[in-house]
Amino acid sequence: MGGMVAWEYALLVRRYQGQGRNFHVSFVWYGPDGSRKDVTAYGDTAIAHLNRVGREGWELVSAAEDVNNVQGSTEVHRYHLKRPLA
């Protein structure tokens, strides 16, 4: 393949669900092998999670946000990541 880089991709999803003063934030990692893992325990901010996977060679490619402004109760942030295949 001469100099061509092969990549693997993953997705980190941050979900905020709340009503008034009650809210819950969770983080789920979707691995390149199709696995799904709740990684909430690894940190309470997206930056903590991105720094953690950055140390594993993952690079942020793009981020997207969905906010339900009608009820103000749900936010979903998607962080798309890639790293070269070994």
Protein backbone atom coordinates (compact mmCIF):
# COMPACT_ATOMS: atom_id res chain seq x y z
CA MET A 1 0.00 0.00 0.00
CA GLY A 2 3.10 2.20 -0.04
CA GLY A 3 2.78 5.03 2.48
CA MET A 4 -0.98 4.87 2.83
CA VAL A 5 -2.19 5.01 6.43
CA ALA A 6 -5.01 2.72 7.57
CA TRP A 7 -7.20 4.08 10.36
CA GLU A 8 -9.57 2.71 12.95
CA TYR A 9 -12.42 4.80 14.30
CA ALA A 10 -14.30 5.08 17.58
CA LEU A 11 -17.02 7.21 19.09
CA LEU A 12 -17.39 8.78 22.54
CA VAL A 13 -20.93 9.86 23.42
CA ARG A 14 -21.72 12.20 26.31
CA ARG A 15 -25.38 12.23 27.32
CA TYR A 16 -26.86 14.76 29.73
CA GLN A 17 -30.37 14.12 30.98
CA GLY A 18 -31.95 16.35 33.54
CA GLN A 19 -34.98 18.00 34.94
CA GLY A 20 -34.60 20.96 37.26
CA ARG A 21 -31.83 20.25 39.74
CA ASN A 22 -31.82 16.53 39.04
CA PHE A 23 -29.52 15.49 36.23
CA HIS A 24 -27.39 12.58 35.09
CA VAL A 25 -24.33 12.69 32.83
CA SER A 26 -23.05 9.51 31.23
CA PHE A 27 -20.27 8.64 28.78
CA VAL A 28 -20.32 5.64 26.45
CA TRP A 29 -17.39 4.44 24.32
CA TYR A 30 -18.13 2.72 21.00
CA GLY A 31 -14.94 0.90 20.04
CA PRO A 32 -13.65 0.11 16.56
CA ASP A 33 -14.59 -3.55 17.08
CA GLY A 34 -18.26 -2.66 17.59
CA SER A 35 -18.12 -2.91 21.36
CA ARG A 36 -20.07 -0.57 23.64
CA LYS A 37 -18.79 0.32 27.11
CA ASP A 38 -20.06 2.67 29.81
CA VAL A 39 -16.97 4.72 30.73
CA THR A 40 -18.70 7.24 32.99
CA ALA A 41 -16.57 6.19 35.96
CA TYR A 42 -13.38 7.39 34.20
CA GLY A 43 -14.28 11.09 34.51
CA ASP A 44 -17.05 13.63 34.76
CA THR A 45 -16.02 15.89 31.84
CA ALA A 46 -15.55 15.32 28.13
CA ILE A 47 -12.03 16.77 28.42
CA ALA A 48 -11.07 14.09 30.96
CA HIS A 49 -12.28 11.37 28.59
CA LEU A 50 -10.65 12.91 25.51
CA ASN A 51 -7.31 13.27 27.34
CA ARG A 52 -7.53 9.65 28.50
CA VAL A 53 -8.09 8.24 25.02
CA GLY A 54 -5.59 10.73 23.56
CA ARG A 55 -2.92 9.01 25.65
CA GLU A 56 -3.96 5.79 23.89
CA GLY A 57 -3.28 7.34 20.47
CA TRP A 58 -6.82 8.50 19.61
CA GLU A 59 -7.21 11.83 17.81
CA LEU A 60 -10.42 13.88 17.78
CA VAL A 61 -11.73 14.16 14.22
CA SER A 62 -15.06 15.92 14.78
CA ALA A 63 -17.68 16.70 17.39
CA ALA A 64 -21.44 17.07 17.08
CA GLU A 65 -24.11 18.21 19.50
CA ASP A 66 -27.84 17.54 19.71
CA VAL A 67 -29.80 19.60 22.22
CA ASN A 68 -33.49 19.22 22.99
CA ASN A 69 -34.33 22.88 23.62
CA VAL A 70 -38.06 22.29 23.75
CA GLN A 71 -37.87 20.66 27.15
CA GLY A 72 -34.23 21.51 27.89
CA SER A 73 -33.78 18.05 29.29
CA THR A 74 -31.43 16.22 26.94
CA GLU A 75 -28.04 16.95 25.40
CA VAL A 76 -26.03 14.48 23.38
CA HIS A 77 -22.45 15.20 22.34
CA ARG A 78 -20.68 12.87 19.94
CA TYR A 79 -16.89 12.86 19.67
CA HIS A 80 -15.56 11.03 16.60
CA LEU A 81 -12.00 9.76 16.98
CA LYS A 82 -9.40 7.96 14.88
CA ARG A 83 -5.97 6.41 15.29
CA PRO A 84 -3.65 4.64 12.90
CA LEU A 85 -3.83 0.87 12.79
CA ALA A 86 -0.71 -0.75 14.16
